[in-house]
Amino acid sequence: MKDLIEYIAKGLVDKPDEVKVSEEDDRGRVIVRLEVAEDDYGKVIGKGGRIAQSMRALLKVTAIRRDEYASLEIGD
């Protein structure tokens, strides 16, 4: 799941080298954290949060296929 979010984020931002994705297990729930360069947060979130919402939907589908629960956190 981490790889999916990293792939999408690197395609959206101007500074793909600064994309950092971490994955953490919290009581059966996978938390994927995405950090990008300060200037790129708007590109990852999108107008009205549409891109972030789409990334969360893709993450949810991937998690369901693995019989898991996952969430995406963007930023700190």
PDB file of N, CA and C in Angstrom:
ATOM      1  N   MET A   1       0.825  -1.190   0.000  1.00  0.00           N
ATOM      2  CA  MET A   1       0.000   0.000   0.000  1.00  0.00           C
ATOM      3  C   MET A   1       0.872   1.259   0.000  1.00  0.00           C
ATOM      4  N   LYS A   2       1.973   1.164   0.702  1.00  0.00           N
ATOM      5  CA  LYS A   2       2.918   2.275   0.756  1.00  0.00           C
ATOM      6  C   LYS A   2       3.417   2.608  -0.649  1.00  0.00           C
ATOM      7  N   ASP A   3       3.702   1.577  -1.429  1.00  0.00           N
ATOM      8  CA  ASP A   3       4.225   1.772  -2.783  1.00  0.00           C
ATOM      9  C   ASP A   3       3.217   2.479  -3.686  1.00  0.00           C
ATOM     10  N   LEU A   4       1.947   2.154  -3.528  1.00  0.00           N
ATOM     11  CA  LEU A   4       0.891   2.777  -4.332  1.00  0.00           C
ATOM     12  C   LEU A   4       0.832   4.280  -4.081  1.00  0.00           C
ATOM     13  N   ILE A   5       0.799   4.671  -2.826  1.00  0.00           N
ATOM     14  CA  ILE A   5       0.719   6.090  -2.469  1.00  0.00           C
ATOM     15  C   ILE A   5       1.980   6.827  -2.910  1.00  0.00           C
ATOM     16  N   GLU A   6       3.130   6.194  -2.753  1.00  0.00           N
ATOM     17  CA  GLU A   6       4.382   6.820  -3.175  1.00  0.00           C
ATOM     18  C   GLU A   6       4.407   7.036  -4.687  1.00  0.00           C
ATOM     19  N   TYR A   7       3.953   6.058  -5.438  1.00  0.00           N
ATOM     20  CA  TYR A   7       3.912   6.158  -6.898  1.00  0.00           C
ATOM     21  C   TYR A   7       3.005   7.307  -7.350  1.00  0.00           C
ATOM     22  N   ILE A   8       1.830   7.392  -6.763  1.00  0.00           N
ATOM     23  CA  ILE A   8       0.876   8.445  -7.129  1.00  0.00           C
ATOM     24  C   ILE A   8       1.439   9.818  -6.765  1.00  0.00           C
ATOM     25  N   ALA A   9       1.953   9.940  -5.546  1.00  0.00           N
ATOM     26  CA  ALA A   9       2.465  11.231  -5.064  1.00  0.00           C
ATOM     27  C   ALA A   9       3.639  11.718  -5.904  1.00  0.00           C
ATOM     28  N   LYS A  10       4.551  10.827  -6.255  1.00  0.00           N
ATOM     29  CA  LYS A  10       5.712  11.232  -7.047  1.00  0.00           C
ATOM     30  C   LYS A  10       5.303  11.718  -8.432  1.00  0.00           C
ATOM     31  N   GLY A  11       4.205  11.220  -8.948  1.00  0.00           N
ATOM     32  CA  GLY A  11       3.712  11.666 -10.243  1.00  0.00           C
ATOM     33  C   GLY A  11       3.036  13.024 -10.191  1.00  0.00           C
ATOM     34  N   LEU A  12       2.633  13.454  -9.016  1.00  0.00           N
ATOM     35  CA  LEU A  12       1.907  14.715  -8.870  1.00  0.00           C
ATOM     36  C   LEU A  12       2.780  15.915  -8.518  1.00  0.00           C
ATOM     37  N   VAL A  13       3.859  15.676  -7.814  1.00  0.00           N
ATOM     38  CA  VAL A  13       4.635  16.783  -7.235  1.00  0.00           C
ATOM     39  C   VAL A  13       5.763  17.252  -8.143  1.00  0.00           C
ATOM     40  N   ASP A  14       6.295  18.444  -7.829  1.00  0.00           N
ATOM     41  CA  ASP A  14       7.436  18.998  -8.561  1.00  0.00           C
ATOM     42  C   ASP A  14       8.765  18.455  -8.032  1.00  0.00           C
ATOM     43  N   LYS A  15       8.788  18.073  -6.764  1.00  0.00           N
ATOM     44  CA  LYS A  15      10.011  17.571  -6.137  1.00  0.00           C
ATOM     45  C   LYS A  15       9.805  16.122  -5.661  1.00  0.00           C
ATOM     46  N   PRO A  16       9.840  15.160  -6.598  1.00  0.00           N
ATOM     47  CA  PRO A  16       9.572  13.764  -6.217  1.00  0.00           C
ATOM     48  C   PRO A  16      10.607  13.178  -5.259  1.00  0.00           C
ATOM     49  N   ASP A  17      11.798  13.748  -5.202  1.00  0.00           N
ATOM     50  CA  ASP A  17      12.827  13.251  -4.287  1.00  0.00           C
ATOM     51  C   ASP A  17      12.466  13.511  -2.825  1.00  0.00           C
ATOM     52  N   GLU A  18      11.581  14.462  -2.577  1.00  0.00           N
ATOM     53  CA  GLU A  18      11.209  14.817  -1.207  1.00  0.00           C
ATOM     54  C   GLU A  18       9.937  14.118  -0.728  1.00  0.00           C
ATOM     55  N   VAL A  19       9.433  13.194  -1.517  1.00  0.00           N
ATOM     56  CA  VAL A  19       8.247  12.431  -1.114  1.00  0.00           C
ATOM     57  C   VAL A  19       8.684  11.356  -0.121  1.00  0.00           C
ATOM     58  N   LYS A  20       8.039  11.342   1.038  1.00  0.00           N
ATOM     59  CA  LYS A  20       8.326  10.347   2.066  1.00  0.00           C
ATOM     60  C   LYS A  20       7.021   9.679   2.473  1.00  0.00           C
ATOM     61  N   VAL A  21       7.001   8.375   2.392  1.00  0.00           N
ATOM     62  CA  VAL A  21       5.810   7.612   2.766  1.00  0.00           C
ATOM     63  C   VAL A  21       6.223   6.593   3.810  1.00  0.00           C
ATOM     64  N   SER A  22       5.490   6.563   4.903  1.00  0.00           N
ATOM     65  CA  SER A  22       5.762   5.574   5.949  1.00  0.00           C
ATOM     66  C   SER A  22       4.477   4.822   6.254  1.00  0.00           C
ATOM     67  N   GLU A  23       4.656   3.616   6.738  1.00  0.00           N
ATOM     68  CA  GLU A  23       3.512   2.753   7.032  1.00  0.00           C
ATOM     69  C   GLU A  23       3.644   2.269   8.471  1.00  0.00           C
ATOM     70  N   GLU A  24       2.549   2.329   9.193  1.00  0.00           N
ATOM     71  CA  GLU A  24       2.569   1.976  10.609  1.00  0.00           C
ATOM     72  C   GLU A  24       1.339   1.120  10.916  1.00  0.00           C
ATOM     73  N   ASP A  25       1.522   0.109  11.726  1.00  0.00           N
ATOM     74  CA  ASP A  25       0.408  -0.755  12.109  1.00  0.00           C
ATOM     75  C   ASP A  25      -0.096  -0.334  13.482  1.00  0.00           C
ATOM     76  N   ASP A  26      -1.376  -0.036  13.572  1.00  0.00           N
ATOM     77  CA  ASP A  26      -1.961   0.423  14.821  1.00  0.00           C
ATOM     78  C   ASP A  26      -3.198  -0.415  15.135  1.00  0.00           C
ATOM     79  N   ARG A  27      -3.022  -1.436  15.942  1.00  0.00           N
ATOM     80  CA  ARG A  27      -4.119  -2.331  16.357  1.00  0.00           C
ATOM     81  C   ARG A  27      -4.948  -2.851  15.180  1.00  0.00           C
ATOM     82  N   GLY A  28      -4.274  -3.442  14.214  1.00  0.00           N
ATOM     83  CA  GLY A  28      -4.966  -4.026  13.076  1.00  0.00           C
ATOM     84  C   GLY A  28      -5.308  -3.048  11.974  1.00  0.00           C
ATOM     85  N   ARG A  29      -4.932  -1.822  12.140  1.00  0.00           N
ATOM     86  CA  ARG A  29      -5.207  -0.788  11.134  1.00  0.00           C
ATOM     87  C   ARG A  29      -3.875  -0.258  10.609  1.00  0.00           C
ATOM     88  N   VAL A  30      -3.759  -0.178   9.309  1.00  0.00           N
ATOM     89  CA  VAL A  30      -2.540   0.334   8.692  1.00  0.00           C
ATOM     90  C   VAL A  30      -2.707   1.833   8.456  1.00  0.00           C
ATOM     91  N   ILE A  31      -1.770   2.600   8.971  1.00  0.00           N
ATOM     92  CA  ILE A  31      -1.785   4.048   8.768  1.00  0.00           C
ATOM     93  C   ILE A  31      -0.644   4.386   7.818  1.00  0.00           C
ATOM     94  N   VAL A  32      -0.988   4.970   6.687  1.00  0.00           N
ATOM     95  CA  VAL A  32       0.008   5.384   5.707  1.00  0.00           C
ATOM     96  C   VAL A  32       0.147   6.898   5.828  1.00  0.00           C
ATOM     97  N   ARG A  33       1.379   7.349   6.097  1.00  0.00           N
ATOM     98  CA  ARG A  33       1.645   8.780   6.245  1.00  0.00           C
ATOM     99  C   ARG A  33       2.425   9.277   5.035  1.00  0.00           C
ATOM    100  N   LEU A  34       1.955  10.373   4.475  1.00  0.00           N
ATOM    101  CA  LEU A  34       2.576  10.957   3.290  1.00  0.00           C
ATOM    102  C   LEU A  34       3.091  12.350   3.620  1.00  0.00           C
ATOM    103  N   GLU A  35       4.370  12.571   3.333  1.00  0.00           N
ATOM    104  CA  GLU A  35       4.969  13.890   3.497  1.00  0.00           C
ATOM    105  C   GLU A  35       5.628  14.286   2.193  1.00  0.00           C
ATOM    106  N   VAL A  36       5.425  15.531   1.791  1.00  0.00           N
ATOM    107  CA  VAL A  36       6.016  16.066   0.564  1.00  0.00           C
ATOM    108  C   VAL A  36       6.639  17.423   0.876  1.00  0.00           C
ATOM    109  N   ALA A  37       7.298  18.014  -0.103  1.00  0.00           N
ATOM    110  CA  ALA A  37       7.867  19.347   0.072  1.00  0.00           C
ATOM    111  C   ALA A  37       6.746  20.345   0.371  1.00  0.00           C
ATOM    112  N   GLU A  38       7.074  21.373   1.108  1.00  0.00           N
ATOM    113  CA  GLU A  38       6.082  22.372   1.529  1.00  0.00           C
ATOM    114  C   GLU A  38       5.285  22.938   0.352  1.00  0.00           C
ATOM    115  N   ASP A  39       5.933  23.169  -0.770  1.00  0.00           N
ATOM    116  CA  ASP A  39       5.268  23.740  -1.947  1.00  0.00           C
ATOM    117  C   ASP A  39       4.337  22.751  -2.645  1.00  0.00           C
ATOM    118  N   ASP A  40       4.486  21.473  -2.369  1.00  0.00           N
ATOM    119  CA  ASP A  40       3.740  20.443  -3.097  1.00  0.00           C
ATOM    120  C   ASP A  40       2.482  19.945  -2.385  1.00  0.00           C
ATOM    121  N   TYR A  41       2.219  20.400  -1.184  1.00  0.00           N
ATOM    122  CA  TYR A  41       1.035  19.921  -0.468  1.00  0.00           C
ATOM    123  C   TYR A  41      -0.255  20.229  -1.223  1.00  0.00           C
ATOM    124  N   GLY A  42      -0.324  21.380  -1.848  1.00  0.00           N
ATOM    125  CA  GLY A  42      -1.522  21.739  -2.613  1.00  0.00           C
ATOM    126  C   GLY A  42      -1.767  20.800  -3.777  1.00  0.00           C
ATOM    127  N   LYS A  43      -0.699  20.337  -4.396  1.00  0.00           N
ATOM    128  CA  LYS A  43      -0.825  19.421  -5.528  1.00  0.00           C
ATOM    129  C   LYS A  43      -1.290  18.045  -5.077  1.00  0.00           C
ATOM    130  N   VAL A  44      -0.866  17.628  -3.903  1.00  0.00           N
ATOM    131  CA  VAL A  44      -1.247  16.317  -3.386  1.00  0.00           C
ATOM    132  C   VAL A  44      -2.674  16.336  -2.838  1.00  0.00           C
ATOM    133  N   ILE A  45      -3.074  17.457  -2.262  1.00  0.00           N
ATOM    134  CA  ILE A  45      -4.422  17.553  -1.705  1.00  0.00           C
ATOM    135  C   ILE A  45      -5.439  17.849  -2.792  1.00  0.00           C
ATOM    136  N   GLY A  46      -5.099  18.747  -3.707  1.00  0.00           N
ATOM    137  CA  GLY A  46      -5.990  19.057  -4.821  1.00  0.00           C
ATOM    138  C   GLY A  46      -7.064  20.051  -4.449  1.00  0.00           C
ATOM    139  N   LYS A  47      -7.742  20.531  -5.455  1.00  0.00           N
ATOM    140  CA  LYS A  47      -8.801  21.516  -5.266  1.00  0.00           C
ATOM    141  C   LYS A  47      -9.968  20.868  -4.522  1.00  0.00           C
ATOM    142  N   GLY A  48     -10.269  21.417  -3.378  1.00  0.00           N
ATOM    143  CA  GLY A  48     -11.360  20.871  -2.577  1.00  0.00           C
ATOM    144  C   GLY A  48     -11.049  19.508  -1.985  1.00  0.00           C
ATOM    145  N   GLY A  49      -9.781  19.106  -2.001  1.00  0.00           N
ATOM    146  CA  GLY A  49      -9.390  17.823  -1.434  1.00  0.00           C
ATOM    147  C   GLY A  49      -9.691  16.630  -2.323  1.00  0.00           C
ATOM    148  N   ARG A  50      -9.948  16.879  -3.597  1.00  0.00           N
ATOM    149  CA  ARG A  50     -10.355  15.798  -4.499  1.00  0.00           C
ATOM    150  C   ARG A  50      -9.256  14.772  -4.739  1.00  0.00           C
ATOM    151  N   ILE A  51      -8.028  15.225  -4.901  1.00  0.00           N
ATOM    152  CA  ILE A  51      -6.941  14.275  -5.154  1.00  0.00           C
ATOM    153  C   ILE A  51      -6.687  13.436  -3.902  1.00  0.00           C
ATOM    154  N   ALA A  52      -6.665  14.063  -2.744  1.00  0.00           N
ATOM    155  CA  ALA A  52      -6.473  13.326  -1.495  1.00  0.00           C
ATOM    156  C   ALA A  52      -7.600  12.313  -1.300  1.00  0.00           C
ATOM    157  N   GLN A  53      -8.811  12.708  -1.614  1.00  0.00           N
ATOM    158  CA  GLN A  53      -9.968  11.817  -1.487  1.00  0.00           C
ATOM    159  C   GLN A  53      -9.825  10.619  -2.433  1.00  0.00           C
ATOM    160  N   SER A  54      -9.346  10.856  -3.639  1.00  0.00           N
ATOM    161  CA  SER A  54      -9.140   9.778  -4.600  1.00  0.00           C
ATOM    162  C   SER A  54      -8.036   8.832  -4.145  1.00  0.00           C
ATOM    163  N   MET A  55      -6.964   9.383  -3.595  1.00  0.00           N
ATOM    164  CA  MET A  55      -5.881   8.545  -3.082  1.00  0.00           C
ATOM    165  C   MET A  55      -6.376   7.681  -1.927  1.00  0.00           C
ATOM    166  N   ARG A  56      -7.208   8.247  -1.070  1.00  0.00           N
ATOM    167  CA  ARG A  56      -7.770   7.473   0.042  1.00  0.00           C
ATOM    168  C   ARG A  56      -8.689   6.361  -0.464  1.00  0.00           C
ATOM    169  N   ALA A  57      -9.448   6.647  -1.518  1.00  0.00           N
ATOM    170  CA  ALA A  57     -10.335   5.631  -2.087  1.00  0.00           C
ATOM    171  C   ALA A  57      -9.528   4.467  -2.667  1.00  0.00           C
ATOM    172  N   LEU A  58      -8.450   4.778  -3.382  1.00  0.00           N
ATOM    173  CA  LEU A  58      -7.593   3.722  -3.930  1.00  0.00           C
ATOM    174  C   LEU A  58      -6.932   2.911  -2.816  1.00  0.00           C
ATOM    175  N   LEU A  59      -6.512   3.592  -1.768  1.00  0.00           N
ATOM    176  CA  LEU A  59      -5.914   2.909  -0.625  1.00  0.00           C
ATOM    177  C   LEU A  59      -6.925   1.983   0.039  1.00  0.00           C
ATOM    178  N   LYS A  60      -8.148   2.446   0.157  1.00  0.00           N
ATOM    179  CA  LYS A  60      -9.200   1.641   0.773  1.00  0.00           C
ATOM    180  C   LYS A  60      -9.485   0.377  -0.045  1.00  0.00           C
ATOM    181  N   VAL A  61      -9.531   0.518  -1.368  1.00  0.00           N
ATOM    182  CA  VAL A  61      -9.763  -0.642  -2.234  1.00  0.00           C
ATOM    183  C   VAL A  61      -8.632  -1.654  -2.078  1.00  0.00           C
ATOM    184  N   THR A  62      -7.397  -1.165  -2.053  1.00  0.00           N
ATOM    185  CA  THR A  62      -6.247  -2.049  -1.882  1.00  0.00           C
ATOM    186  C   THR A  62      -6.308  -2.766  -0.540  1.00  0.00           C
ATOM    187  N   ALA A  63      -6.677  -2.037   0.505  1.00  0.00           N
ATOM    188  CA  ALA A  63      -6.767  -2.630   1.843  1.00  0.00           C
ATOM    189  C   ALA A  63      -7.874  -3.684   1.900  1.00  0.00           C
ATOM    190  N   ILE A  64      -9.003  -3.412   1.292  1.00  0.00           N
ATOM    191  CA  ILE A  64     -10.112  -4.364   1.307  1.00  0.00           C
ATOM    192  C   ILE A  64      -9.717  -5.657   0.600  1.00  0.00           C
ATOM    193  N   ARG A  65      -8.984  -5.526  -0.488  1.00  0.00           N
ATOM    194  CA  ARG A  65      -8.521  -6.722  -1.214  1.00  0.00           C
ATOM    195  C   ARG A  65      -7.589  -7.570  -0.348  1.00  0.00           C
ATOM    196  N   ARG A  66      -6.893  -6.938   0.576  1.00  0.00           N
ATOM    197  CA  ARG A  66      -5.986  -7.652   1.481  1.00  0.00           C
ATOM    198  C   ARG A  66      -6.669  -8.014   2.796  1.00  0.00           C
ATOM    199  N   ASP A  67      -7.945  -7.710   2.903  1.00  0.00           N
ATOM    200  CA  ASP A  67      -8.729  -7.961   4.113  1.00  0.00           C
ATOM    201  C   ASP A  67      -8.157  -7.194   5.311  1.00  0.00           C
ATOM    202  N   GLU A  68      -7.836  -5.930   5.065  1.00  0.00           N
ATOM    203  CA  GLU A  68      -7.285  -5.047   6.094  1.00  0.00           C
ATOM    204  C   GLU A  68      -8.058  -3.733   6.100  1.00  0.00           C
ATOM    205  N   TYR A  69      -7.727  -2.877   7.058  1.00  0.00           N
ATOM    206  CA  TYR A  69      -8.263  -1.523   7.111  1.00  0.00           C
ATOM    207  C   TYR A  69      -7.090  -0.562   7.053  1.00  0.00           C
ATOM    208  N   ALA A  70      -7.179   0.459   6.206  1.00  0.00           N
ATOM    209  CA  ALA A  70      -6.077   1.407   6.082  1.00  0.00           C
ATOM    210  C   ALA A  70      -6.595   2.833   5.992  1.00  0.00           C
ATOM    211  N   SER A  71      -5.759   3.765   6.427  1.00  0.00           N
ATOM    212  CA  SER A  71      -6.097   5.186   6.295  1.00  0.00           C
ATOM    213  C   SER A  71      -4.858   5.953   5.861  1.00  0.00           C
ATOM    214  N   LEU A  72      -5.093   7.099   5.231  1.00  0.00           N
ATOM    215  CA  LEU A  72      -4.020   7.936   4.723  1.00  0.00           C
ATOM    216  C   LEU A  72      -4.013   9.244   5.485  1.00  0.00           C
ATOM    217  N   GLU A  73      -2.839   9.607   5.980  1.00  0.00           N
ATOM    218  CA  GLU A  73      -2.636  10.897   6.635  1.00  0.00           C
ATOM    219  C   GLU A  73      -1.629  11.682   5.814  1.00  0.00           C
ATOM    220  N   ILE A  74      -1.974  12.907   5.489  1.00  0.00           N
ATOM    221  CA  ILE A  74      -1.099  13.757   4.678  1.00  0.00           C
ATOM    222  C   ILE A  74      -0.550  14.861   5.577  1.00  0.00           C
ATOM    223  N   GLY A  75       0.758  14.984   5.608  1.00  0.00           N
ATOM    224  CA  GLY A  75       1.384  16.011   6.428  1.00  0.00           C
ATOM    225  C   GLY A  75       1.761  15.491   7.786  1.00  0.00           C
ATOM    226  N   ASP A  76       2.015  16.417   8.705  1.00  0.00           N
ATOM    227  CA  ASP A  76       2.480  16.033  10.043  1.00  0.00           C
ATOM    228  C   ASP A  76       1.420  15.302  10.755  1.00  0.00           C
TER     229      ASP A  76
END
